[in-house]
């Protein structure tokens, strides 16, 4: 019986939240999970949008790469 493991080398994840604190917590939780599979943060991109009611909306894209 042969076992073959293919390691993930790149992974891109998208996050969204209504405030920065929540967005940061979501990203930090995923960083910890990805660290377990030997992925580190390569880059982060984020944006903020304000709708017509004045509510803010935050999004982020995090690119993880093999360490």
C-alpha atoms as a PDB file:
ATOM      1  CA  UNK A   1       0.000   0.000   0.000  1.00  0.00           C
ATOM      2  CA  UNK A   2       1.465   3.353  -1.072  1.00  0.00           C
ATOM      3  CA  UNK A   3       0.616   6.659   0.513  1.00  0.00           C
ATOM      4  CA  UNK A   4       1.297   9.873  -1.330  1.00  0.00           C
ATOM      5  CA  UNK A   5       0.888  13.282   0.274  1.00  0.00           C
ATOM      6  CA  UNK A   6       0.631  16.422  -1.819  1.00  0.00           C
ATOM      7  CA  UNK A   7       1.364  19.527   0.206  1.00  0.00           C
ATOM      8  CA  UNK A   8      -0.552  22.707  -0.451  1.00  0.00           C
ATOM      9  CA  UNK A   9       1.873  25.356  -1.684  1.00  0.00           C
ATOM     10  CA  UNK A  10      -0.474  28.308  -2.255  1.00  0.00           C
ATOM     11  CA  UNK A  11      -3.847  29.181  -0.796  1.00  0.00           C
ATOM     12  CA  UNK A  12      -5.944  32.338  -1.166  1.00  0.00           C
ATOM     13  CA  UNK A  13      -8.743  33.070   1.300  1.00  0.00           C
ATOM     14  CA  UNK A  14     -11.368  35.812   1.396  1.00  0.00           C
ATOM     15  CA  UNK A  15     -12.796  37.422   4.520  1.00  0.00           C
ATOM     16  CA  UNK A  16     -15.591  39.913   5.229  1.00  0.00           C
ATOM     17  CA  UNK A  17     -16.948  41.686   8.299  1.00  0.00           C
ATOM     18  CA  UNK A  18     -18.860  44.755   9.429  1.00  0.00           C
ATOM     19  CA  UNK A  19     -15.950  46.090  11.510  1.00  0.00           C
ATOM     20  CA  UNK A  20     -12.177  45.864  11.551  1.00  0.00           C
ATOM     21  CA  UNK A  21     -11.925  44.074  14.879  1.00  0.00           C
ATOM     22  CA  UNK A  22     -14.085  41.186  13.664  1.00  0.00           C
ATOM     23  CA  UNK A  23     -12.185  41.021  10.384  1.00  0.00           C
ATOM     24  CA  UNK A  24      -8.884  40.868  12.243  1.00  0.00           C
ATOM     25  CA  UNK A  25     -10.118  38.047  14.498  1.00  0.00           C
ATOM     26  CA  UNK A  26     -11.267  36.016  11.481  1.00  0.00           C
ATOM     27  CA  UNK A  27      -7.916  36.447   9.746  1.00  0.00           C
ATOM     28  CA  UNK A  28      -5.899  35.622  12.885  1.00  0.00           C
ATOM     29  CA  UNK A  29      -7.911  32.434  13.457  1.00  0.00           C
ATOM     30  CA  UNK A  30      -7.235  31.307   9.889  1.00  0.00           C
ATOM     31  CA  UNK A  31      -3.530  32.144  10.198  1.00  0.00           C
ATOM     32  CA  UNK A  32      -3.320  29.780  13.181  1.00  0.00           C
ATOM     33  CA  UNK A  33      -5.128  27.015  11.268  1.00  0.00           C
ATOM     34  CA  UNK A  34      -2.923  27.405   8.200  1.00  0.00           C
ATOM     35  CA  UNK A  35       0.218  27.424  10.314  1.00  0.00           C
ATOM     36  CA  UNK A  36      -0.639  23.825  11.234  1.00  0.00           C
ATOM     37  CA  UNK A  37      -0.357  22.853   7.550  1.00  0.00           C
ATOM     38  CA  UNK A  38       2.905  24.806   7.161  1.00  0.00           C
ATOM     39  CA  UNK A  39       1.483  27.833   5.352  1.00  0.00           C
ATOM     40  CA  UNK A  40       2.515  31.376   6.206  1.00  0.00           C
ATOM     41  CA  UNK A  41       1.086  34.732   5.161  1.00  0.00           C
ATOM     42  CA  UNK A  42       2.575  35.957   1.894  1.00  0.00           C
ATOM     43  CA  UNK A  43       0.397  39.039   1.356  1.00  0.00           C
ATOM     44  CA  UNK A  44      -2.762  40.756   2.572  1.00  0.00           C
ATOM     45  CA  UNK A  45      -5.041  43.092   0.639  1.00  0.00           C
ATOM     46  CA  UNK A  46      -8.039  44.841   2.166  1.00  0.00           C
ATOM     47  CA  UNK A  47     -10.770  47.285   1.260  1.00  0.00           C
ATOM     48  CA  UNK A  48     -13.502  49.262   2.991  1.00  0.00           C
ATOM     49  CA  UNK A  49     -16.847  50.188   1.499  1.00  0.00           C
ATOM     50  CA  UNK A  50     -19.457  52.593   2.859  1.00  0.00           C
ATOM     51  CA  UNK A  51     -22.983  51.961   1.620  1.00  0.00           C
ATOM     52  CA  UNK A  52     -25.707  54.565   1.073  1.00  0.00           C
ATOM     53  CA  UNK A  53     -26.847  54.190   4.713  1.00  0.00           C
ATOM     54  CA  UNK A  54     -23.382  55.046   6.031  1.00  0.00           C
ATOM     55  CA  UNK A  55     -22.617  51.495   7.174  1.00  0.00           C
ATOM     56  CA  UNK A  56     -19.065  50.280   6.679  1.00  0.00           C
ATOM     57  CA  UNK A  57     -18.167  46.930   5.192  1.00  0.00           C
ATOM     58  CA  UNK A  58     -14.639  45.491   5.282  1.00  0.00           C
ATOM     59  CA  UNK A  59     -13.135  42.770   3.090  1.00  0.00           C
ATOM     60  CA  UNK A  60      -9.699  41.186   2.923  1.00  0.00           C
ATOM     61  CA  UNK A  61      -7.831  38.736   0.729  1.00  0.00           C
ATOM     62  CA  UNK A  62      -4.988  36.797   2.342  1.00  0.00           C
ATOM     63  CA  UNK A  63      -2.485  34.843   0.249  1.00  0.00           C
ATOM     64  CA  UNK A  64      -0.838  31.995   2.134  1.00  0.00           C
ATOM     65  CA  UNK A  65       2.321  30.269   0.860  1.00  0.00           C
ATOM     66  CA  UNK A  66       4.321  27.251   1.908  1.00  0.00           C
ATOM     67  CA  UNK A  67       7.019  28.159   4.420  1.00  0.00           C
END
